[in-house]
């Protein structure tokens, strides 16, 4: 599922958004130590905003 989301964001930078504290932010792809991961634009180093969301089934 994460690989699919990463591919979607790489293909279309507006593919995913998250509303956080009343503000909508984009989900982006970052890379660290050769591993790609998702995070929100306004997170500095960790994908905390995404981790705080409930799972969507």
N, C-alpha and C. Protein backbone atom coordinates (compact mmCIF):
# COMPACT_ATOMS: atom_id res chain seq x y z
N UNK A 1 0.82 -1.19 0.00
CA UNK A 1 0.00 0.00 0.00
C UNK A 1 0.87 1.26 0.00
N UNK A 2 1.94 1.30 0.81
CA UNK A 2 2.81 2.47 0.84
C UNK A 2 3.50 2.67 -0.50
N UNK A 3 3.94 1.57 -1.13
CA UNK A 3 4.60 1.70 -2.43
C UNK A 3 3.66 2.30 -3.47
N UNK A 4 2.39 1.91 -3.42
CA UNK A 4 1.41 2.46 -4.35
C UNK A 4 1.22 3.95 -4.11
N UNK A 5 1.11 4.35 -2.85
CA UNK A 5 0.94 5.76 -2.52
C UNK A 5 2.16 6.57 -2.96
N UNK A 6 3.36 6.03 -2.74
CA UNK A 6 4.59 6.72 -3.16
C UNK A 6 4.59 6.90 -4.67
N UNK A 7 4.24 5.85 -5.41
CA UNK A 7 4.18 5.95 -6.87
C UNK A 7 3.15 6.98 -7.32
N UNK A 8 2.00 7.02 -6.65
CA UNK A 8 0.96 8.00 -6.99
C UNK A 8 1.44 9.43 -6.76
N UNK A 9 2.10 9.67 -5.65
CA UNK A 9 2.60 11.01 -5.34
C UNK A 9 3.72 11.40 -6.31
N UNK A 10 4.58 10.46 -6.65
CA UNK A 10 5.66 10.75 -7.62
C UNK A 10 5.07 11.11 -8.99
N UNK A 11 3.99 10.45 -9.36
CA UNK A 11 3.35 10.68 -10.65
C UNK A 11 2.54 11.98 -10.64
N UNK A 12 1.85 12.26 -9.53
CA UNK A 12 0.97 13.43 -9.42
C UNK A 12 1.16 14.04 -8.04
N UNK A 13 1.89 15.15 -7.98
CA UNK A 13 2.25 15.75 -6.69
C UNK A 13 1.05 16.22 -5.87
N UNK A 14 -0.11 16.31 -6.50
CA UNK A 14 -1.31 16.70 -5.75
C UNK A 14 -2.21 15.50 -5.46
N UNK A 15 -1.67 14.29 -5.56
CA UNK A 15 -2.47 13.07 -5.40
C UNK A 15 -3.05 12.92 -4.00
N UNK A 16 -2.31 13.34 -2.98
CA UNK A 16 -2.76 13.17 -1.60
C UNK A 16 -2.59 14.46 -0.82
N UNK A 17 -3.59 14.76 0.00
CA UNK A 17 -3.54 15.91 0.90
C UNK A 17 -4.08 15.47 2.25
N UNK A 18 -3.66 16.18 3.28
CA UNK A 18 -4.10 15.90 4.64
C UNK A 18 -4.53 17.23 5.26
N UNK A 19 -5.65 17.22 5.97
CA UNK A 19 -6.05 18.41 6.71
C UNK A 19 -5.51 18.28 8.12
N UNK A 20 -4.70 19.24 8.50
CA UNK A 20 -3.99 19.20 9.77
C UNK A 20 -4.19 20.54 10.47
N UNK A 21 -4.81 20.51 11.64
CA UNK A 21 -5.08 21.71 12.42
C UNK A 21 -5.76 22.79 11.56
N UNK A 22 -6.75 22.36 10.78
CA UNK A 22 -7.51 23.28 9.95
C UNK A 22 -6.80 23.72 8.68
N UNK A 23 -5.62 23.22 8.41
CA UNK A 23 -4.85 23.60 7.23
C UNK A 23 -4.63 22.36 6.37
N UNK A 24 -4.85 22.49 5.08
CA UNK A 24 -4.62 21.38 4.16
C UNK A 24 -3.18 21.44 3.67
N UNK A 25 -2.49 20.31 3.80
CA UNK A 25 -1.09 20.23 3.37
C UNK A 25 -0.92 19.05 2.43
N UNK A 26 0.05 19.15 1.54
CA UNK A 26 0.32 18.08 0.59
C UNK A 26 1.15 16.98 1.23
N UNK A 27 0.92 15.77 0.76
CA UNK A 27 1.76 14.63 1.13
C UNK A 27 2.85 14.54 0.08
N UNK A 28 4.10 14.43 0.52
CA UNK A 28 5.23 14.37 -0.39
C UNK A 28 6.06 13.12 -0.12
N UNK A 29 6.97 12.83 -1.03
CA UNK A 29 7.87 11.69 -0.89
C UNK A 29 9.25 12.22 -0.54
N UNK A 30 9.86 11.66 0.48
CA UNK A 30 11.23 11.97 0.87
C UNK A 30 12.03 10.68 0.86
N UNK A 31 13.34 10.81 0.91
CA UNK A 31 14.20 9.64 0.96
C UNK A 31 15.26 9.84 2.04
N UNK A 32 15.49 8.79 2.81
CA UNK A 32 16.52 8.81 3.86
C UNK A 32 17.20 7.45 3.87
N UNK A 33 18.51 7.46 3.80
CA UNK A 33 19.30 6.22 3.78
C UNK A 33 18.80 5.25 2.71
N UNK A 34 18.43 5.79 1.56
CA UNK A 34 18.00 4.95 0.45
C UNK A 34 16.58 4.44 0.50
N UNK A 35 15.82 4.82 1.54
CA UNK A 35 14.43 4.37 1.67
C UNK A 35 13.48 5.55 1.45
N UNK A 36 12.51 5.37 0.57
CA UNK A 36 11.52 6.40 0.33
C UNK A 36 10.39 6.27 1.34
N UNK A 37 9.85 7.41 1.75
CA UNK A 37 8.73 7.41 2.69
C UNK A 37 7.86 8.62 2.43
N UNK A 38 6.65 8.57 2.96
CA UNK A 38 5.69 9.66 2.82
C UNK A 38 5.74 10.55 4.05
N UNK A 39 5.54 11.85 3.82
CA UNK A 39 5.42 12.80 4.93
C UNK A 39 4.65 14.00 4.42
N UNK A 40 4.22 14.85 5.31
CA UNK A 40 3.53 16.06 4.88
C UNK A 40 4.55 17.17 4.68
N UNK A 41 4.19 18.12 3.85
CA UNK A 41 5.11 19.21 3.49
C UNK A 41 5.66 19.95 4.69
N UNK A 42 4.86 20.15 5.71
CA UNK A 42 5.32 20.99 6.81
C UNK A 42 6.05 20.23 7.91
N UNK A 43 6.20 18.91 7.80
CA UNK A 43 6.99 18.16 8.78
C UNK A 43 8.46 18.42 8.51
N UNK A 44 9.24 18.60 9.55
CA UNK A 44 10.66 18.85 9.36
C UNK A 44 11.42 17.57 9.03
N UNK A 45 11.44 16.61 9.95
CA UNK A 45 12.28 15.43 9.76
C UNK A 45 11.51 14.12 9.83
N UNK A 46 10.45 14.06 10.57
CA UNK A 46 9.70 12.82 10.74
C UNK A 46 8.29 12.97 10.19
N UNK A 47 7.70 11.88 9.71
CA UNK A 47 6.34 11.96 9.17
C UNK A 47 5.29 11.93 10.28
N UNK A 48 5.45 12.78 11.30
CA UNK A 48 4.56 12.76 12.47
C UNK A 48 3.11 13.03 12.11
N UNK A 49 2.86 13.95 11.20
CA UNK A 49 1.47 14.28 10.86
C UNK A 49 0.74 13.08 10.28
N UNK A 50 1.40 12.31 9.47
CA UNK A 50 0.77 11.12 8.91
C UNK A 50 0.63 10.03 9.95
N UNK A 51 1.62 9.90 10.81
CA UNK A 51 1.55 8.85 11.84
C UNK A 51 0.43 9.10 12.84
N UNK A 52 0.04 10.36 13.00
CA UNK A 52 -1.01 10.67 13.96
C UNK A 52 -2.41 10.42 13.41
N UNK A 53 -2.53 10.15 12.10
CA UNK A 53 -3.84 9.88 11.50
C UNK A 53 -4.30 8.47 11.81
N UNK A 54 -5.63 8.30 11.86
CA UNK A 54 -6.19 6.96 12.02
C UNK A 54 -6.07 6.22 10.71
N UNK A 55 -6.01 4.90 10.79
CA UNK A 55 -5.97 4.08 9.57
C UNK A 55 -7.26 4.26 8.80
N UNK A 56 -7.14 4.28 7.48
CA UNK A 56 -8.34 4.27 6.65
C UNK A 56 -8.43 2.89 6.02
N UNK A 57 -9.54 2.28 6.17
CA UNK A 57 -9.70 0.90 5.70
C UNK A 57 -10.30 0.84 4.33
